[in-house]
Structures are given as C-alpha cells and as structure tokens.
C-alpha cells in the first residue's frame, strides 16, 4: 500500500511539472519542418475529455518544429460544448473542424480526405507531449521513413506464421526498429508520409465493420498492404496521461483481447496476413 501511495505521489508530481512546463511554452515559436509537403498535426476528442484537452493542445501547438496546421476534428454534436480555453487556442493557430462521428478514426480519416498530399501526424487528446515530440517524427520522415512512431509493439507469430494473441506480443519495445512486424501505437504519435497508406484507409464501411474500436490494427494493415514498414524511433516510450481523461478504458479493453484480437481476426479474414517481408 505504501508503494502504491508513493507511485501516486510521483505521478502527481510528474503531472504538475508537465502542466507548469506547458504553461511556460511560447506557442509562437518553432523551426520550419523542412519536409517537401505540408505538415499537418491531426487530433480528435469528445466531450468527456474536454476537461484536459487544452493541455494536450498547448503541447501540440508549442513544438520545437512548427507544423503548417494543427487540426482538432470534432463530431458536430460536440462543437457547442467545446471549452473556452480550447477556443482561445484558435488565436495561436488551432483549427477546429467538424467531421462525421467515426470515433477514434476522426483523428486521421478526415485529414486524409482533405489533406492527402500532406505529411499527417496523429496524436491522442489525453496525454502530455514534450516540446521535441514532433521534431523526432519529422527527422525520421526527412530520413526516408514513410511511417514512423515513438511507441510500438512487435508482433509475435505462431507456428503457422500468423499473429499470436495481442497480449502475447512484445509490448512497448525499447529500441529503434523497422520491420514488417513493428506495430505502431497511436498514443505517442505517428507520422504518415503522403501515399503511405492503402486506398482502403478512408473506407468507412470497412473500418467501422472490421475494426470499429481498433484504429491501430486498421492502420497497421493499411500501411503493410501498401508495402510500407513502420519505423519505431527512440527508446521505450513513456505515456503521461492527464488525470480524469478517462483514457484507460479502451486501451485496457483492447489489451485484454475484446477489441484488438477481434479486429485482427476480422482483418485476417478480409485481407489475409500482410506482415511478411516483401
């Protein structure tokens, strides 16, 4: 019990430091990204997360590398309840745009439909992003990576060469890697070069049927079907979630098989296994 209390104390201290650091950021700074196409940071949210959304958005706007746009995609019903502190960030470059209510897919599909010729970086709405978070992804893209991420798992295969259950994969791998078995996780951010994803990626009839709660699974298939390997950069990723963001439920659900394993089975049935080397 004492160890649990100490962990909670340390977590609260980390959150306090993160909040203070975000408030000190100059949102008008940031170097040019140097990519050959526009750079879009794309994020979505919903009303239950609005209490901490401004913190995450400050982190995305105050990066050492400056994106061309930071877009917050919201379902129409959520627009009217957006807090004033989020609206205030529009003065610092935030763009708020409505889109269909595609759940977690709102963070990438609308951006692909409207900005398919751009580098698109996806981010989650409930975590702290350090000031050099975007810079690492951009450097990977400038070095030739078509898909790069800060956090990834490694798919493990059974005797038939097919994926084992999701819980048996190598989670949050600790070293840089690039292979057909690198499975990106969106929570820590992913950059997609123009054309990196299979044309089916924006097919709402398919993703809502095959992987309705598992966008990471859908996106893995979409870049592998296009012959693209994901590149994991850096060491072991550490997630700092805001208190009260209610982020853990879906991640926990997917980890224990009720989301990701169902999606993997559906994707295998529809597309087959794309995880082998080209």
Protein backbone atom coordinates (compact mmCIF):
# COMPACT_ATOMS: atom_id res chain seq x y z
CA UNK A 1 0.00 0.00 0.00
CA UNK A 2 2.86 2.39 0.80
CA UNK A 3 4.44 1.67 -2.59
CA UNK A 4 1.11 2.41 -4.33
CA UNK A 5 0.83 5.70 -2.48
CA UNK A 6 4.39 6.61 -3.42
CA UNK A 7 3.71 5.84 -7.09
CA UNK A 8 0.62 8.03 -6.96
CA UNK A 9 2.65 10.81 -5.37
CA UNK A 10 5.32 10.59 -8.06
CA UNK A 11 2.66 10.55 -10.78
CA UNK A 12 1.01 13.67 -9.40
CA UNK A 13 4.41 15.41 -9.28
CA UNK A 14 5.07 14.50 -12.91
CA UNK A 15 1.67 15.85 -13.89
CA UNK A 16 2.30 19.10 -12.01
CA UNK A 17 5.67 19.55 -13.73
CA UNK A 18 4.10 18.84 -17.11
CA UNK A 19 1.33 21.40 -16.55
CA UNK A 20 3.87 24.03 -15.48
CA UNK A 21 6.09 23.31 -18.48
CA UNK A 22 3.17 23.66 -20.89
CA UNK A 23 2.15 26.99 -19.44
CA UNK A 24 5.70 28.28 -20.00
CA UNK A 25 5.85 27.34 -23.68
CA UNK A 26 5.91 30.05 -26.33
CA UNK A 27 3.27 28.95 -28.83
CA UNK A 28 4.60 31.34 -31.47
CA UNK A 29 8.00 29.64 -31.80
CA UNK A 30 9.12 26.56 -33.74
CA UNK A 31 11.51 25.99 -36.62
CA UNK A 32 10.44 25.17 -40.18
CA UNK A 33 9.94 21.45 -40.67
CA UNK A 34 11.85 21.15 -43.96
CA UNK A 35 9.60 18.45 -45.43
CA UNK A 36 8.72 18.51 -49.15
CA UNK A 37 4.97 18.73 -48.44
CA UNK A 38 2.76 20.39 -45.81
CA UNK A 39 2.86 19.02 -42.25
CA UNK A 40 -0.49 18.53 -40.51
CA UNK A 41 -0.95 17.57 -36.85
CA UNK A 42 -4.35 15.91 -36.53
CA UNK A 43 -6.19 15.15 -33.31
CA UNK A 44 -9.74 14.40 -32.22
CA UNK A 45 -11.62 14.46 -28.95
CA UNK A 46 -15.09 14.23 -27.42
CA UNK A 47 -16.94 15.89 -24.57
CA UNK A 48 -15.80 13.53 -21.80
CA UNK A 49 -12.18 14.56 -22.50
CA UNK A 50 -12.72 18.30 -22.81
CA UNK A 51 -11.60 18.99 -19.24
CA UNK A 52 -7.94 18.36 -20.07
CA UNK A 53 -7.99 18.88 -23.85
CA UNK A 54 -6.45 22.36 -23.72
CA UNK A 55 -3.36 20.96 -22.00
CA UNK A 56 -2.74 18.49 -24.81
CA UNK A 57 -3.39 21.09 -27.49
CA UNK A 58 -0.90 23.51 -25.92
CA UNK A 59 1.63 20.72 -26.15
CA UNK A 60 0.90 20.19 -29.83
CA UNK A 61 0.97 23.89 -30.68
CA UNK A 62 4.18 24.59 -28.75
CA UNK A 63 6.61 22.29 -30.52
CA UNK A 64 10.26 22.88 -31.43
CA UNK A 65 9.27 22.21 -35.07
CA UNK A 66 6.30 24.16 -36.42
CA UNK A 67 3.55 22.29 -38.29
CA UNK A 68 1.61 24.02 -41.03
CA UNK A 69 -1.67 23.20 -39.31
CA UNK A 70 -2.92 21.73 -36.05
CA UNK A 71 -6.46 20.50 -36.63
CA UNK A 72 -8.94 19.36 -33.98
CA UNK A 73 -11.66 17.24 -35.58
CA UNK A 74 -14.95 17.04 -33.68
CA UNK A 75 -18.31 15.42 -34.24
CA UNK A 76 -20.96 18.06 -34.87
CA UNK A 77 -22.71 17.38 -31.55
CA UNK A 78 -19.53 18.14 -29.58
CA UNK A 79 -18.78 21.54 -31.10
CA UNK A 80 -21.16 23.51 -28.89
CA UNK A 81 -19.65 22.19 -25.64
CA UNK A 82 -16.02 22.97 -26.51
CA UNK A 83 -14.47 24.86 -23.54
CA UNK A 84 -13.43 28.50 -23.83
CA UNK A 85 -9.80 27.63 -23.05
CA UNK A 86 -9.73 25.43 -26.16
CA UNK A 87 -11.39 28.09 -28.31
CA UNK A 88 -8.78 30.55 -27.07
CA UNK A 89 -6.09 28.44 -28.71
CA UNK A 90 -7.52 29.26 -32.14
CA UNK A 91 -5.68 32.56 -31.76
CA UNK A 92 -2.46 30.52 -31.67
CA UNK A 93 -3.18 28.55 -34.84
CA UNK A 94 -5.53 25.77 -33.72
CA UNK A 95 -8.15 24.89 -36.34
CA UNK A 96 -11.41 23.30 -35.18
CA UNK A 97 -13.30 21.41 -37.88
CA UNK A 98 -16.44 19.23 -37.84
CA UNK A 99 -16.44 15.71 -39.24
CA UNK A 100 -18.53 12.53 -39.13
CA UNK A 101 -18.54 10.76 -35.78
CA UNK A 102 -16.07 8.00 -36.64
CA UNK A 103 -14.85 7.63 -33.03
CA UNK A 104 -11.04 7.34 -32.86
CA UNK A 105 -10.83 7.36 -36.67
CA UNK A 106 -11.71 11.05 -36.57
CA UNK A 107 -8.06 11.80 -35.84
CA UNK A 108 -6.86 10.57 -39.24
CA UNK A 109 -9.58 9.85 -41.80
CA UNK A 110 -10.85 13.44 -42.21
CA UNK A 111 -7.25 14.66 -42.50
CA UNK A 112 -6.53 12.07 -45.19
CA UNK A 113 -9.66 13.03 -47.10
CA UNK A 114 -8.89 16.77 -47.02
CA UNK A 115 -5.07 16.79 -46.89
CA UNK A 116 -3.99 13.56 -48.55
CA UNK A 117 -0.98 15.24 -50.16
CA UNK A 118 0.46 16.20 -46.75
CA UNK A 119 2.52 14.57 -44.05
CA UNK A 120 -0.06 13.78 -41.37
CA UNK A 121 0.91 13.35 -37.73
CA UNK A 122 -1.73 11.86 -35.46
CA UNK A 123 -1.85 12.49 -31.73
CA UNK A 124 -4.12 11.45 -28.88
CA UNK A 125 -6.04 14.02 -26.88
CA UNK A 126 -5.29 12.85 -23.35
CA UNK A 127 -1.51 12.84 -22.90
CA UNK A 128 1.45 15.19 -22.45
CA UNK A 129 3.67 15.74 -25.50
CA UNK A 130 7.24 17.05 -24.88
CA UNK A 131 8.39 20.07 -26.87
CA UNK A 132 10.59 17.97 -29.19
CA UNK A 133 7.98 15.24 -29.79
CA UNK A 134 7.18 16.38 -33.33
CA UNK A 135 10.80 17.01 -34.19
CA UNK A 136 11.69 13.34 -33.74
CA UNK A 137 8.94 12.23 -36.11
CA UNK A 138 9.88 14.85 -38.69
CA UNK A 139 13.55 13.84 -38.60
CA UNK A 140 12.55 10.23 -39.27
CA UNK A 141 10.41 11.31 -42.23
CA UNK A 142 13.18 13.52 -43.58
CA UNK A 143 15.47 10.46 -43.41
CA UNK A 144 13.08 8.46 -45.59
CA UNK A 145 10.62 6.79 -43.21
CA UNK A 146 7.13 6.64 -44.69
CA UNK A 147 5.57 5.71 -41.34
CA UNK A 148 7.34 6.48 -38.05
CA UNK A 149 6.22 6.32 -34.43
CA UNK A 150 7.56 6.89 -30.92
CA UNK A 151 5.87 3.83 -29.42
CA UNK A 152 5.42 0.39 -30.96
CA UNK A 153 4.89 -3.27 -30.26
CA UNK A 154 6.43 -6.19 -32.11
CA UNK A 155 4.02 -8.77 -33.49
CA UNK A 156 4.90 -12.33 -32.47
CA UNK A 157 3.91 -15.18 -34.76
CA UNK A 158 2.69 -18.73 -34.21
CA UNK A 159 3.94 -21.86 -35.97
CA UNK A 160 1.78 -21.05 -38.99
CA UNK A 161 3.35 -17.61 -39.34
CA UNK A 162 0.23 -15.77 -38.17
CA UNK A 163 -0.13 -13.33 -35.26
CA UNK A 164 -0.38 -14.68 -31.74
CA UNK A 165 -2.99 -13.11 -29.46
CA UNK A 166 -2.34 -9.41 -28.90
CA UNK A 167 -1.48 -9.89 -25.23
CA UNK A 168 1.42 -12.16 -26.22
CA UNK A 169 3.19 -9.63 -28.44
CA UNK A 170 6.35 -7.78 -27.37
CA UNK A 171 4.85 -4.59 -25.97
CA UNK A 172 6.40 -1.12 -25.94
CA UNK A 173 9.67 -2.21 -27.49
CA UNK A 174 12.71 -0.48 -26.06
CA UNK A 175 14.98 0.06 -29.08
CA UNK A 176 14.59 1.59 -32.54
CA UNK A 177 13.39 -0.88 -35.14
CA UNK A 178 11.97 -1.11 -38.62
CA UNK A 179 10.43 -4.33 -39.90
CA UNK A 180 7.15 -5.81 -41.15
CA UNK A 181 6.38 -6.79 -37.55
CA UNK A 182 6.67 -3.32 -36.00
CA UNK A 183 3.14 -2.42 -34.91
CA UNK A 184 2.68 1.29 -34.22
CA UNK A 185 0.60 2.53 -31.30
CA UNK A 186 -1.05 5.86 -31.90
CA UNK A 187 -1.00 7.18 -28.34
CA UNK A 188 2.56 8.54 -28.62
CA UNK A 189 2.15 9.92 -32.12
CA UNK A 190 2.68 8.67 -35.68
CA UNK A 191 3.76 10.42 -38.87
CA UNK A 192 2.46 9.23 -42.25
CA UNK A 193 4.06 10.37 -45.49
CA UNK A 194 1.78 11.12 -48.45
CA UNK A 195 0.74 7.88 -50.12
CA UNK A 196 1.96 5.63 -47.30
CA UNK A 197 -1.44 4.07 -46.68
CA UNK A 198 -3.56 1.74 -48.81
CA UNK A 199 -6.50 3.42 -50.60
CA UNK A 200 -8.98 1.50 -48.41
CA UNK A 201 -7.84 3.52 -45.39
CA UNK A 202 -10.70 6.02 -45.75
CA UNK A 203 -13.39 3.42 -46.48
CA UNK A 204 -15.76 3.95 -43.55
CA UNK A 205 -17.90 0.94 -44.44
CA UNK A 206 -14.83 -1.27 -43.98
CA UNK A 207 -13.13 0.21 -40.92
CA UNK A 208 -16.38 0.55 -38.97
CA UNK A 209 -17.19 -3.09 -39.70
CA UNK A 210 -13.79 -4.76 -39.41
CA UNK A 211 -12.06 -2.73 -36.68
CA UNK A 212 -14.56 -0.32 -35.12
CA UNK A 213 -12.58 0.13 -31.86
CA UNK A 214 -9.07 -0.65 -33.08
CA UNK A 215 -7.68 2.04 -35.36
CA UNK A 216 -4.09 0.91 -34.67
CA UNK A 217 -4.94 -2.53 -36.11
CA UNK A 218 -6.61 -0.97 -39.15
CA UNK A 219 -3.69 1.37 -39.81
CA UNK A 220 -1.13 -1.44 -39.46
CA UNK A 221 -2.92 -3.36 -42.22
CA UNK A 222 -3.24 -0.24 -44.34
CA UNK A 223 0.50 0.53 -44.43
CA UNK A 224 1.53 -3.11 -44.75
CA UNK A 225 -0.87 -3.71 -47.65
CA UNK A 226 0.91 -0.78 -49.29
CA UNK A 227 4.31 -2.43 -48.78
CA UNK A 228 5.38 0.07 -46.09
CA UNK A 229 7.19 -0.88 -42.88
CA UNK A 230 6.73 1.23 -39.74
CA UNK A 231 9.85 2.68 -38.13
CA UNK A 232 9.94 2.90 -34.34
CA UNK A 233 12.23 5.70 -33.16
CA UNK A 234 13.90 6.24 -29.80
CA UNK A 235 13.81 4.06 -26.70
CA UNK A 236 10.96 2.84 -24.55
CA UNK A 237 8.09 5.31 -24.71
CA UNK A 238 6.56 6.64 -21.52
CA UNK A 239 2.95 7.80 -21.51
CA UNK A 240 1.85 10.57 -19.17
CA UNK A 241 -1.95 10.72 -19.15
CA UNK A 242 -3.87 13.61 -17.66
CA UNK A 243 -5.89 12.77 -14.57
CA UNK A 244 -9.59 12.44 -15.33
CA UNK A 245 -9.08 11.95 -19.07
CA UNK A 246 -10.80 8.53 -18.93
CA UNK A 247 -8.21 7.21 -21.36
CA UNK A 248 -7.54 3.84 -19.87
CA UNK A 249 -10.80 2.04 -20.62
CA UNK A 250 -10.40 1.50 -24.36
CA UNK A 251 -6.68 0.70 -24.11
CA UNK A 252 -7.35 -1.84 -21.38
CA UNK A 253 -10.20 -3.34 -23.38
CA UNK A 254 -8.03 -3.76 -26.45
CA UNK A 255 -5.08 -5.16 -24.48
CA UNK A 256 -7.24 -7.90 -22.99
CA UNK A 257 -8.49 -9.05 -26.35
CA UNK A 258 -12.05 -7.77 -26.56
CA UNK A 259 -11.03 -5.13 -29.10
CA UNK A 260 -7.75 -5.76 -30.88
CA UNK A 261 -7.98 -9.56 -31.13
CA UNK A 262 -11.46 -9.31 -32.64
CA UNK A 263 -10.22 -6.72 -35.12
CA UNK A 264 -7.16 -8.79 -36.03
CA UNK A 265 -9.35 -11.83 -36.72
CA UNK A 266 -11.66 -9.73 -38.89
CA UNK A 267 -8.75 -8.19 -40.81
CA UNK A 268 -7.18 -11.59 -41.39
CA UNK A 269 -10.48 -12.85 -42.74
CA UNK A 270 -10.90 -9.93 -45.12
CA UNK A 271 -7.34 -9.15 -46.25
CA UNK A 272 -5.17 -12.07 -45.15
CA UNK A 273 -1.86 -11.53 -43.34
CA UNK A 274 0.29 -8.66 -44.68
CA UNK A 275 3.01 -8.88 -42.04
CA UNK A 276 5.57 -10.83 -44.03
CA UNK A 277 8.60 -9.13 -45.55
CA UNK A 278 8.27 -8.02 -49.15
